[in-house]
All heavy atoms as atom14 arrays in JSON, in Angstrom:
{
  "sequence": "WTHFGDGPLFEELRRQAEHAASETPGLTVQLAGRVTTATLMERYRVEH",
  "atom14_mask": [
    [1, 1, 1, 1, 1, 1, 1, 1, 1, 1, 1, 1, 1, 1],
    [1, 1, 1, 1, 1, 1, 1, 0, 0, 0, 0, 0, 0, 0],
    [1, 1, 1, 1, 1, 1, 1, 1, 1, 1, 0, 0, 0, 0],
    [1, 1, 1, 1, 1, 1, 1, 1, 1, 1, 1, 0, 0, 0],
    [1, 1, 1, 1, 0, 0, 0, 0, 0, 0, 0, 0, 0, 0],
    [1, 1, 1, 1, 1, 1, 1, 1, 0, 0, 0, 0, 0, 0],
    [1, 1, 1, 1, 0, 0, 0, 0, 0, 0, 0, 0, 0, 0],
    [1, 1, 1, 1, 1, 1, 1, 0, 0, 0, 0, 0, 0, 0],
    [1, 1, 1, 1, 1, 1, 1, 1, 0, 0, 0, 0, 0, 0],
    [1, 1, 1, 1, 1, 1, 1, 1, 1, 1, 1, 0, 0, 0],
    [1, 1, 1, 1, 1, 1, 1, 1, 1, 0, 0, 0, 0, 0],
    [1, 1, 1, 1, 1, 1, 1, 1, 1, 0, 0, 0, 0, 0],
    [1, 1, 1, 1, 1, 1, 1, 1, 0, 0, 0, 0, 0, 0],
    [1, 1, 1, 1, 1, 1, 1, 1, 1, 1, 1, 0, 0, 0],
    [1, 1, 1, 1, 1, 1, 1, 1, 1, 1, 1, 0, 0, 0],
    [1, 1, 1, 1, 1, 1, 1, 1, 1, 0, 0, 0, 0, 0],
    [1, 1, 1, 1, 1, 0, 0, 0, 0, 0, 0, 0, 0, 0],
    [1, 1, 1, 1, 1, 1, 1, 1, 1, 0, 0, 0, 0, 0],
    [1, 1, 1, 1, 1, 1, 1, 1, 1, 1, 0, 0, 0, 0],
    [1, 1, 1, 1, 1, 0, 0, 0, 0, 0, 0, 0, 0, 0],
    [1, 1, 1, 1, 1, 0, 0, 0, 0, 0, 0, 0, 0, 0],
    [1, 1, 1, 1, 1, 1, 0, 0, 0, 0, 0, 0, 0, 0],
    [1, 1, 1, 1, 1, 1, 1, 1, 1, 0, 0, 0, 0, 0],
    [1, 1, 1, 1, 1, 1, 1, 0, 0, 0, 0, 0, 0, 0],
    [1, 1, 1, 1, 1, 1, 1, 0, 0, 0, 0, 0, 0, 0],
    [1, 1, 1, 1, 0, 0, 0, 0, 0, 0, 0, 0, 0, 0],
    [1, 1, 1, 1, 1, 1, 1, 1, 0, 0, 0, 0, 0, 0],
    [1, 1, 1, 1, 1, 1, 1, 0, 0, 0, 0, 0, 0, 0],
    [1, 1, 1, 1, 1, 1, 1, 0, 0, 0, 0, 0, 0, 0],
    [1, 1, 1, 1, 1, 1, 1, 1, 1, 0, 0, 0, 0, 0],
    [1, 1, 1, 1, 1, 1, 1, 1, 0, 0, 0, 0, 0, 0],
    [1, 1, 1, 1, 1, 0, 0, 0, 0, 0, 0, 0, 0, 0],
    [1, 1, 1, 1, 0, 0, 0, 0, 0, 0, 0, 0, 0, 0],
    [1, 1, 1, 1, 1, 1, 1, 1, 1, 1, 1, 0, 0, 0],
    [1, 1, 1, 1, 1, 1, 1, 0, 0, 0, 0, 0, 0, 0],
    [1, 1, 1, 1, 1, 1, 1, 0, 0, 0, 0, 0, 0, 0],
    [1, 1, 1, 1, 1, 1, 1, 0, 0, 0, 0, 0, 0, 0],
    [1, 1, 1, 1, 1, 0, 0, 0, 0, 0, 0, 0, 0, 0],
    [1, 1, 1, 1, 1, 1, 1, 0, 0, 0, 0, 0, 0, 0],
    [1, 1, 1, 1, 1, 1, 1, 1, 0, 0, 0, 0, 0, 0],
    [1, 1, 1, 1, 1, 1, 1, 1, 0, 0, 0, 0, 0, 0],
    [1, 1, 1, 1, 1, 1, 1, 1, 1, 0, 0, 0, 0, 0],
    [1, 1, 1, 1, 1, 1, 1, 1, 1, 1, 1, 0, 0, 0],
    [1, 1, 1, 1, 1, 1, 1, 1, 1, 1, 1, 1, 0, 0],
    [1, 1, 1, 1, 1, 1, 1, 1, 1, 1, 1, 0, 0, 0],
    [1, 1, 1, 1, 1, 1, 1, 0, 0, 0, 0, 0, 0, 0],
    [1, 1, 1, 1, 1, 1, 1, 1, 1, 0, 0, 0, 0, 0],
    [1, 1, 1, 1, 1, 1, 1, 1, 1, 1, 0, 0, 0, 0]
  ],
  "atom14_positions": [
    [[4.63, 3.16, 4.51], [3.26, 2.66, 4.69], [2.9, 1.71, 3.57], [3.01, 2.05, 2.39], [2.27, 3.83, 4.73], [0.83, 3.38, 4.71], [0.27, 2.4, 5.49], [-0.22, 3.87, 3.88], [-1.07, 2.26, 5.19], [-1.4, 3.15, 4.21], [-0.29, 4.86, 2.9], [-2.62, 3.38, 3.58], [-1.49, 5.11, 2.26], [-2.65, 4.38, 2.6]],
    [[2.45, 0.51, 3.95], [2.0, -0.47, 2.98], [0.53, -0.78, 3.25], [0.17, -1.09, 4.38], [2.81, -1.78, 3.08], [4.19, -1.5, 2.89], [2.35, -2.79, 2.03], [0.0, 0.0, 0.0], [0.0, 0.0, 0.0], [0.0, 0.0, 0.0], [0.0, 0.0, 0.0], [0.0, 0.0, 0.0], [0.0, 0.0, 0.0], [0.0, 0.0, 0.0]],
    [[-0.28, -0.7, 2.21], [-1.7, -1.04, 2.35], [-2.03, -2.21, 1.46], [-1.72, -2.23, 0.25], [-2.6, 0.14, 1.99], [-4.06, -0.2, 2.09], [-4.7, -0.3, 3.31], [-4.99, -0.54, 1.15], [-5.96, -0.65, 3.11], [-6.15, -0.82, 1.81], [0.0, 0.0, 0.0], [0.0, 0.0, 0.0], [0.0, 0.0, 0.0], [0.0, 0.0, 0.0]],
    [[-2.7, -3.21, 2.05], [-3.17, -4.38, 1.32], [-4.69, -4.26, 1.14], [-5.41, -4.02, 2.11], [-2.84, -5.66, 2.07], [-1.37, -5.91, 2.23], [-0.71, -5.52, 3.4], [-0.63, -6.5, 1.22], [0.65, -5.75, 3.55], [0.73, -6.74, 1.36], [1.38, -6.35, 2.53], [0.0, 0.0, 0.0], [0.0, 0.0, 0.0], [0.0, 0.0, 0.0]],
    [[-5.16, -4.46, -0.08], [-6.58, -4.39, -0.34], [-6.9, -3.38, -1.44], [-6.16, -2.41, -1.64], [0.0, 0.0, 0.0], [0.0, 0.0, 0.0], [0.0, 0.0, 0.0], [0.0, 0.0, 0.0], [0.0, 0.0, 0.0], [0.0, 0.0, 0.0], [0.0, 0.0, 0.0], [0.0, 0.0, 0.0], [0.0, 0.0, 0.0], [0.0, 0.0, 0.0]],
    [[-7.99, -3.64, -2.13], [-8.42, -2.7, -3.17], [-9.92, -2.48, -3.06], [-10.56, -2.93, -2.1], [-8.03, -3.21, -4.56], [-8.67, -4.55, -4.9], [-9.59, -4.99, -4.17], [-8.26, -5.18, -5.9], [0.0, 0.0, 0.0], [0.0, 0.0, 0.0], [0.0, 0.0, 0.0], [0.0, 0.0, 0.0], [0.0, 0.0, 0.0], [0.0, 0.0, 0.0]],
    [[-10.48, -1.79, -4.03], [-11.9, -1.49, -3.98], [-12.21, -0.28, -4.83], [-11.35, 0.23, -5.57], [0.0, 0.0, 0.0], [0.0, 0.0, 0.0], [0.0, 0.0, 0.0], [0.0, 0.0, 0.0], [0.0, 0.0, 0.0], [0.0, 0.0, 0.0], [0.0, 0.0, 0.0], [0.0, 0.0, 0.0], [0.0, 0.0, 0.0], [0.0, 0.0, 0.0]],
    [[-13.43, 0.24, -4.73], [-13.86, 1.34, -5.61], [-13.06, 2.63, -5.46], [-13.01, 3.43, -6.39], [-15.33, 1.53, -5.23], [-15.5, 0.87, -3.9], [-14.52, -0.24, -3.87], [0.0, 0.0, 0.0], [0.0, 0.0, 0.0], [0.0, 0.0, 0.0], [0.0, 0.0, 0.0], [0.0, 0.0, 0.0], [0.0, 0.0, 0.0], [0.0, 0.0, 0.0]],
    [[-12.43, 2.85, -4.3], [-11.68, 4.09, -4.08], [-10.18, 3.9, -4.28], [-9.39, 4.78, -3.94], [-11.95, 4.63, -2.67], [-13.4, 4.96, -2.34], [-13.53, 5.48, -0.91], [-13.96, 5.99, -3.33], [0.0, 0.0, 0.0], [0.0, 0.0, 0.0], [0.0, 0.0, 0.0], [0.0, 0.0, 0.0], [0.0, 0.0, 0.0], [0.0, 0.0, 0.0]],
    [[-9.78, 2.76, -4.85], [-8.35, 2.44, -4.93], [-7.59, 3.42, -5.83], [-6.51, 3.9, -5.45], [-8.17, 1.01, -5.44], [-6.74, 0.54, -5.41], [-6.15, 0.15, -4.22], [-5.99, 0.49, -6.57], [-4.83, -0.28, -4.18], [-4.67, 0.06, -6.55], [-4.09, -0.33, -5.35], [0.0, 0.0, 0.0], [0.0, 0.0, 0.0], [0.0, 0.0, 0.0]],
    [[-8.12, 3.73, -7.0], [-7.4, 4.62, -7.91], [-7.3, 6.03, -7.35], [-6.27, 6.7, -7.5], [-8.07, 4.63, -9.29], [-7.9, 3.32, -10.05], [-6.44, 2.9, -10.17], [-5.58, 3.8, -10.42], [-6.15, 1.7, -10.01], [0.0, 0.0, 0.0], [0.0, 0.0, 0.0], [0.0, 0.0, 0.0], [0.0, 0.0, 0.0], [0.0, 0.0, 0.0]],
    [[-8.36, 6.49, -6.67], [-8.29, 7.8, -6.02], [-7.25, 7.78, -4.91], [-6.47, 8.74, -4.76], [-9.66, 8.16, -5.46], [-9.69, 9.46, -4.64], [-9.31, 10.69, -5.47], [-9.45, 10.65, -6.71], [-8.87, 11.68, -4.86], [0.0, 0.0, 0.0], [0.0, 0.0, 0.0], [0.0, 0.0, 0.0], [0.0, 0.0, 0.0], [0.0, 0.0, 0.0]],
    [[-7.19, 6.7, -4.15], [-6.17, 6.56, -3.11], [-4.78, 6.58, -3.73], [-3.86, 7.19, -3.19], [-6.4, 5.28, -2.33], [-5.37, 4.96, -1.23], [-5.45, 5.99, -0.1], [-5.59, 3.55, -0.67], [0.0, 0.0, 0.0], [0.0, 0.0, 0.0], [0.0, 0.0, 0.0], [0.0, 0.0, 0.0], [0.0, 0.0, 0.0], [0.0, 0.0, 0.0]],
    [[-4.6, 5.9, -4.86], [-3.31, 5.88, -5.52], [-2.86, 7.29, -5.89], [-1.7, 7.68, -5.67], [-3.35, 5.0, -6.77], [-1.98, 4.79, -7.42], [-2.11, 4.2, -8.82], [-2.75, 2.91, -8.81], [-2.12, 1.77, -8.51], [-0.85, 1.79, -8.17], [-2.79, 0.63, -8.54], [0.0, 0.0, 0.0], [0.0, 0.0, 0.0], [0.0, 0.0, 0.0]],
    [[-3.78, 8.08, -6.45], [-3.42, 9.46, -6.82], [-3.04, 10.27, -5.59], [-2.04, 11.02, -5.61], [-4.6, 10.11, -7.54], [-4.82, 9.59, -8.96], [-5.81, 10.46, -9.72], [-7.16, 10.28, -9.2], [-8.01, 9.37, -9.64], [-7.64, 8.52, -10.59], [-9.23, 9.28, -9.16], [0.0, 0.0, 0.0], [0.0, 0.0, 0.0], [0.0, 0.0, 0.0]],
    [[-3.81, 10.12, -4.52], [-3.49, 10.86, -3.29], [-2.15, 10.43, -2.72], [-1.35, 11.26, -2.25], [-4.59, 10.61, -2.25], [-5.95, 11.2, -2.62], [-7.03, 10.79, -1.63], [-6.82, 9.97, -0.74], [-8.23, 11.36, -1.8], [0.0, 0.0, 0.0], [0.0, 0.0, 0.0], [0.0, 0.0, 0.0], [0.0, 0.0, 0.0], [0.0, 0.0, 0.0]],
    [[-1.88, 9.12, -2.76], [-0.64, 8.6, -2.19], [0.57, 9.06, -2.99], [1.62, 9.43, -2.42], [-0.69, 7.08, -2.15], [0.0, 0.0, 0.0], [0.0, 0.0, 0.0], [0.0, 0.0, 0.0], [0.0, 0.0, 0.0], [0.0, 0.0, 0.0], [0.0, 0.0, 0.0], [0.0, 0.0, 0.0], [0.0, 0.0, 0.0], [0.0, 0.0, 0.0]],
    [[0.46, 9.04, -4.32], [1.59, 9.49, -5.15], [1.89, 10.95, -4.89], [3.07, 11.35, -4.79], [1.26, 9.26, -6.63], [1.27, 7.78, -7.02], [0.81, 7.56, -8.45], [0.34, 8.56, -9.09], [0.92, 6.42, -8.95], [0.0, 0.0, 0.0], [0.0, 0.0, 0.0], [0.0, 0.0, 0.0], [0.0, 0.0, 0.0], [0.0, 0.0, 0.0]],
    [[0.85, 11.75, -4.77], [1.06, 13.18, -4.49], [1.69, 13.37, -3.11], [2.65, 14.14, -2.96], [-0.27, 13.92, -4.57], [-0.17, 15.38, -4.21], [0.39, 16.31, -5.05], [-0.54, 16.05, -3.07], [0.36, 17.49, -4.46], [-0.2, 17.37, -3.26], [0.0, 0.0, 0.0], [0.0, 0.0, 0.0], [0.0, 0.0, 0.0], [0.0, 0.0, 0.0]],
    [[1.15, 12.67, -2.1], [1.67, 12.82, -0.74], [3.14, 12.39, -0.65], [3.96, 13.07, -0.01], [0.83, 12.01, 0.23], [0.0, 0.0, 0.0], [0.0, 0.0, 0.0], [0.0, 0.0, 0.0], [0.0, 0.0, 0.0], [0.0, 0.0, 0.0], [0.0, 0.0, 0.0], [0.0, 0.0, 0.0], [0.0, 0.0, 0.0], [0.0, 0.0, 0.0]],
    [[3.48, 11.27, -1.3], [4.86, 10.78, -1.23], [5.82, 11.75, -1.92], [6.96, 11.94, -1.47], [4.94, 9.4, -1.87], [0.0, 0.0, 0.0], [0.0, 0.0, 0.0], [0.0, 0.0, 0.0], [0.0, 0.0, 0.0], [0.0, 0.0, 0.0], [0.0, 0.0, 0.0], [0.0, 0.0, 0.0], [0.0, 0.0, 0.0], [0.0, 0.0, 0.0]],
    [[5.38, 12.37, -3.0], [6.25, 13.3, -3.72], [6.45, 14.61, -2.96], [7.46, 15.29, -3.13], [5.67, 13.6, -5.11], [4.45, 14.33, -5.01], [0.0, 0.0, 0.0], [0.0, 0.0, 0.0], [0.0, 0.0, 0.0], [0.0, 0.0, 0.0], [0.0, 0.0, 0.0], [0.0, 0.0, 0.0], [0.0, 0.0, 0.0], [0.0, 0.0, 0.0]],
    [[5.48, 14.94, -2.09], [5.53, 16.21, -1.37], [6.04, 16.08, 0.06], [6.27, 17.09, 0.73], [4.12, 16.83, -1.32], [3.55, 17.2, -2.68], [4.27, 18.41, -3.28], [4.63, 19.32, -2.51], [4.5, 18.42, -4.51], [0.0, 0.0, 0.0], [0.0, 0.0, 0.0], [0.0, 0.0, 0.0], [0.0, 0.0, 0.0], [0.0, 0.0, 0.0]],
    [[6.24, 14.84, 0.54], [6.56, 14.63, 1.96], [7.87, 13.86, 2.1], [7.91, 12.64, 1.88], [5.43, 13.84, 2.66], [4.17, 14.43, 2.35], [5.64, 13.83, 4.17], [0.0, 0.0, 0.0], [0.0, 0.0, 0.0], [0.0, 0.0, 0.0], [0.0, 0.0, 0.0], [0.0, 0.0, 0.0], [0.0, 0.0, 0.0], [0.0, 0.0, 0.0]],
    [[8.96, 14.53, 2.47], [10.22, 13.83, 2.71], [10.06, 12.79, 3.83], [9.38, 13.03, 4.82], [11.17, 14.95, 3.15], [10.56, 16.2, 2.6], [9.08, 15.98, 2.64], [0.0, 0.0, 0.0], [0.0, 0.0, 0.0], [0.0, 0.0, 0.0], [0.0, 0.0, 0.0], [0.0, 0.0, 0.0], [0.0, 0.0, 0.0], [0.0, 0.0, 0.0]],
    [[10.67, 11.64, 3.65], [10.6, 10.6, 4.67], [9.42, 9.67, 4.55], [9.26, 8.76, 5.37], [0.0, 0.0, 0.0], [0.0, 0.0, 0.0], [0.0, 0.0, 0.0], [0.0, 0.0, 0.0], [0.0, 0.0, 0.0], [0.0, 0.0, 0.0], [0.0, 0.0, 0.0], [0.0, 0.0, 0.0], [0.0, 0.0, 0.0], [0.0, 0.0, 0.0]],
    [[8.58, 9.87, 3.53], [7.4, 9.01, 3.37], [7.51, 8.18, 2.1], [7.74, 8.71, 1.01], [6.13, 9.87, 3.29], [4.82, 9.11, 2.95], [4.47, 8.12, 4.06], [3.67, 10.08, 2.72], [0.0, 0.0, 0.0], [0.0, 0.0, 0.0], [0.0, 0.0, 0.0], [0.0, 0.0, 0.0], [0.0, 0.0, 0.0], [0.0, 0.0, 0.0]],
    [[7.33, 6.87, 2.26], [7.23, 5.95, 1.13], [5.92, 5.21, 1.25], [5.54, 4.78, 2.34], [8.39, 4.92, 1.14], [9.64, 5.62, 1.12], [8.31, 4.0, -0.07], [0.0, 0.0, 0.0], [0.0, 0.0, 0.0], [0.0, 0.0, 0.0], [0.0, 0.0, 0.0], [0.0, 0.0, 0.0], [0.0, 0.0, 0.0], [0.0, 0.0, 0.0]],
    [[5.21, 5.07, 0.13], [3.91, 4.39, 0.13], [3.94, 3.24, -0.86], [4.41, 3.39, -1.99], [2.77, 5.37, -0.25], [1.44, 4.61, -0.32], [2.68, 6.5, 0.76], [0.0, 0.0, 0.0], [0.0, 0.0, 0.0], [0.0, 0.0, 0.0], [0.0, 0.0, 0.0], [0.0, 0.0, 0.0], [0.0, 0.0, 0.0], [0.0, 0.0, 0.0]],
    [[3.46, 2.09, -0.41], [3.25, 0.96, -1.31], [1.8, 0.52, -1.2], [1.35, 0.09, -0.14], [4.16, -0.23, -0.97], [3.95, -1.4, -1.92], [4.68, -2.66, -1.51], [4.96, -2.86, -0.34], [4.97, -3.51, -2.48], [0.0, 0.0, 0.0], [0.0, 0.0, 0.0], [0.0, 0.0, 0.0], [0.0, 0.0, 0.0], [0.0, 0.0, 0.0]],
    [[1.06, 0.61, -2.29], [-0.31, 0.11, -2.35], [-0.25, -1.26, -3.01], [-0.15, -1.37, -4.24], [-1.21, 1.07, -3.12], [-1.29, 2.5, -2.54], [-2.22, 3.35, -3.39], [-1.76, 2.47, -1.09], [0.0, 0.0, 0.0], [0.0, 0.0, 0.0], [0.0, 0.0, 0.0], [0.0, 0.0, 0.0], [0.0, 0.0, 0.0], [0.0, 0.0, 0.0]],
    [[-0.3, -2.3, -2.19], [-0.08, -3.66, -2.67], [-1.3, -4.24, -3.36], [-1.21, -5.26, -4.05], [0.34, -4.56, -1.51], [0.0, 0.0, 0.0], [0.0, 0.0, 0.0], [0.0, 0.0, 0.0], [0.0, 0.0, 0.0], [0.0, 0.0, 0.0], [0.0, 0.0, 0.0], [0.0, 0.0, 0.0], [0.0, 0.0, 0.0], [0.0, 0.0, 0.0]],
    [[-2.47, -3.63, -3.16], [-3.68, -4.16, -3.76], [-4.14, -5.43, -3.05], [-3.69, -5.76, -1.96], [0.0, 0.0, 0.0], [0.0, 0.0, 0.0], [0.0, 0.0, 0.0], [0.0, 0.0, 0.0], [0.0, 0.0, 0.0], [0.0, 0.0, 0.0], [0.0, 0.0, 0.0], [0.0, 0.0, 0.0], [0.0, 0.0, 0.0], [0.0, 0.0, 0.0]],
    [[-5.04, -6.15, -3.71], [-5.58, -7.38, -3.13], [-4.56, -8.5, -3.25], [-4.0, -8.73, -4.33], [-6.87, -7.76, -3.85], [-7.56, -9.0, -3.26], [-8.79, -9.37, -4.11], [-9.76, -8.29, -4.1], [-10.71, -8.15, -3.18], [-10.82, -9.03, -2.2], [-11.57, -7.15, -3.25], [0.0, 0.0, 0.0], [0.0, 0.0, 0.0], [0.0, 0.0, 0.0]],
    [[-4.32, -9.19, -2.16], [-3.41, -10.34, -2.15], [-4.12, -11.5, -1.45], [-5.09, -11.3, -0.72], [-2.08, -10.02, -1.45], [-1.34, -8.89, -2.15], [-2.29, -9.68, 0.03], [0.0, 0.0, 0.0], [0.0, 0.0, 0.0], [0.0, 0.0, 0.0], [0.0, 0.0, 0.0], [0.0, 0.0, 0.0], [0.0, 0.0, 0.0], [0.0, 0.0, 0.0]],
    [[-3.61, -12.7, -1.64], [-4.18, -13.84, -0.93], [-3.81, -13.77, 0.54], [-2.84, -13.1, 0.93], [-3.65, -15.16, -1.51], [-2.23, -15.24, -1.27], [-3.92, -15.25, -3.01], [0.0, 0.0, 0.0], [0.0, 0.0, 0.0], [0.0, 0.0, 0.0], [0.0, 0.0, 0.0], [0.0, 0.0, 0.0], [0.0, 0.0, 0.0], [0.0, 0.0, 0.0]],
    [[-4.57, -14.48, 1.34], [-4.26, -14.53, 2.78], [-2.87, -15.1, 3.0], [-2.12, -14.6, 3.85], [-5.31, -15.37, 3.51], [-6.59, -14.79, 3.35], [-5.0, -15.45, 5.01], [0.0, 0.0, 0.0], [0.0, 0.0, 0.0], [0.0, 0.0, 0.0], [0.0, 0.0, 0.0], [0.0, 0.0, 0.0], [0.0, 0.0, 0.0], [0.0, 0.0, 0.0]],
    [[-2.51, -16.13, 2.24], [-1.19, -16.74, 2.39], [-0.08, -15.73, 2.09], [0.93, -15.66, 2.8], [-1.07, -17.95, 1.48], [0.0, 0.0, 0.0], [0.0, 0.0, 0.0], [0.0, 0.0, 0.0], [0.0, 0.0, 0.0], [0.0, 0.0, 0.0], [0.0, 0.0, 0.0], [0.0, 0.0, 0.0], [0.0, 0.0, 0.0], [0.0, 0.0, 0.0]],
    [[-0.28, -14.92, 1.05], [0.72, -13.9, 0.71], [0.82, -12.85, 1.8], [1.92, -12.43, 2.18], [0.35, -13.23, -0.63], [0.37, -14.22, -1.66], [1.33, -12.12, -0.98], [0.0, 0.0, 0.0], [0.0, 0.0, 0.0], [0.0, 0.0, 0.0], [0.0, 0.0, 0.0], [0.0, 0.0, 0.0], [0.0, 0.0, 0.0], [0.0, 0.0, 0.0]],
    [[-0.32, -12.42, 2.31], [-0.33, -11.43, 3.39], [0.4, -11.95, 4.61], [1.24, -11.25, 5.2], [-1.77, -11.08, 3.75], [-1.95, -10.06, 4.88], [-1.47, -8.69, 4.43], [-3.41, -10.0, 5.33], [0.0, 0.0, 0.0], [0.0, 0.0, 0.0], [0.0, 0.0, 0.0], [0.0, 0.0, 0.0], [0.0, 0.0, 0.0], [0.0, 0.0, 0.0]],
    [[0.11, -13.19, 5.01], [0.76, -13.76, 6.18], [2.28, -13.87, 5.98], [3.05, -13.62, 6.91], [0.17, -15.14, 6.49], [-1.31, -15.16, 6.83], [-1.73, -14.34, 8.4], [-2.17, -12.71, 7.81], [0.0, 0.0, 0.0], [0.0, 0.0, 0.0], [0.0, 0.0, 0.0], [0.0, 0.0, 0.0], [0.0, 0.0, 0.0], [0.0, 0.0, 0.0]],
    [[2.69, -14.22, 4.78], [4.13, -14.33, 4.52], [4.79, -12.96, 4.55], [5.92, -12.81, 5.05], [4.36, -15.01, 3.17], [5.82, -15.22, 2.81], [6.56, -16.16, 3.75], [5.91, -16.8, 4.61], [7.8, -16.25, 3.62], [0.0, 0.0, 0.0], [0.0, 0.0, 0.0], [0.0, 0.0, 0.0], [0.0, 0.0, 0.0], [0.0, 0.0, 0.0]],
    [[4.13, -11.95, 4.04], [4.68, -10.59, 4.12], [4.85, -10.15, 5.55], [5.88, -9.56, 5.92], [3.76, -9.61, 3.36], [3.72, -9.79, 1.85], [4.95, -9.21, 1.17], [5.09, -7.77, 1.35], [4.6, -6.85, 0.52], [3.92, -7.23, -0.56], [4.8, -5.56, 0.74], [0.0, 0.0, 0.0], [0.0, 0.0, 0.0], [0.0, 0.0, 0.0]],
    [[3.85, -10.43, 6.39], [3.97, -10.08, 7.8], [5.12, -10.84, 8.46], [5.88, -10.29, 9.26], [2.67, -10.4, 8.54], [1.53, -9.44, 8.29], [0.26, -9.68, 8.83], [1.68, -8.3, 7.5], [-0.8, -8.82, 8.61], [0.63, -7.44, 7.27], [-0.61, -7.7, 7.82], [-1.65, -6.84, 7.6], [0.0, 0.0, 0.0], [0.0, 0.0, 0.0]],
    [[5.24, -12.11, 8.12], [6.27, -12.94, 8.74], [7.67, -12.45, 8.37], [8.55, -12.37, 9.22], [6.11, -14.4, 8.29], [7.05, -15.38, 8.98], [6.84, -16.78, 8.46], [7.49, -16.98, 7.18], [8.76, -17.33, 7.04], [9.53, -17.53, 8.11], [9.28, -17.51, 5.85], [0.0, 0.0, 0.0], [0.0, 0.0, 0.0], [0.0, 0.0, 0.0]],
    [[7.87, -12.11, 7.12], [9.19, -11.73, 6.64], [9.51, -10.27, 6.97], [10.63, -9.95, 7.4], [9.3, -11.97, 5.12], [10.61, -11.42, 4.57], [9.17, -13.46, 4.82], [0.0, 0.0, 0.0], [0.0, 0.0, 0.0], [0.0, 0.0, 0.0], [0.0, 0.0, 0.0], [0.0, 0.0, 0.0], [0.0, 0.0, 0.0], [0.0, 0.0, 0.0]],
    [[8.54, -9.37, 6.79], [8.8, -7.94, 6.93], [8.57, -7.42, 8.34], [9.1, -6.36, 8.7], [7.93, -7.17, 5.93], [8.24, -7.56, 4.49], [7.28, -6.92, 3.49], [6.5, -6.03, 3.89], [7.29, -7.33, 2.32], [0.0, 0.0, 0.0], [0.0, 0.0, 0.0], [0.0, 0.0, 0.0], [0.0, 0.0, 0.0], [0.0, 0.0, 0.0]],
    [[7.79, -8.12, 9.12], [7.5, -7.75, 10.52], [7.18, -6.26, 10.67], [7.98, -5.48, 11.19], [8.68, -8.12, 11.43], [8.26, -8.22, 12.87], [9.14, -8.18, 13.92], [7.03, -8.34, 13.43], [8.49, -8.28, 15.06], [7.2, -8.38, 14.78], [0.0, 0.0, 0.0], [0.0, 0.0, 0.0], [0.0, 0.0, 0.0], [0.0, 0.0, 0.0]]
  ]
}
């Protein structure tokens, strides 16, 4: 799971995600934070 975007709940989400990933086999989490639209579009294009 990859999430793009940040905000006031980002650090709390990071803590929850780190805990969930460590406790759940088969789950990888990437919190990419805020990115430009161009970067987002390129990630979608390359990673599909």
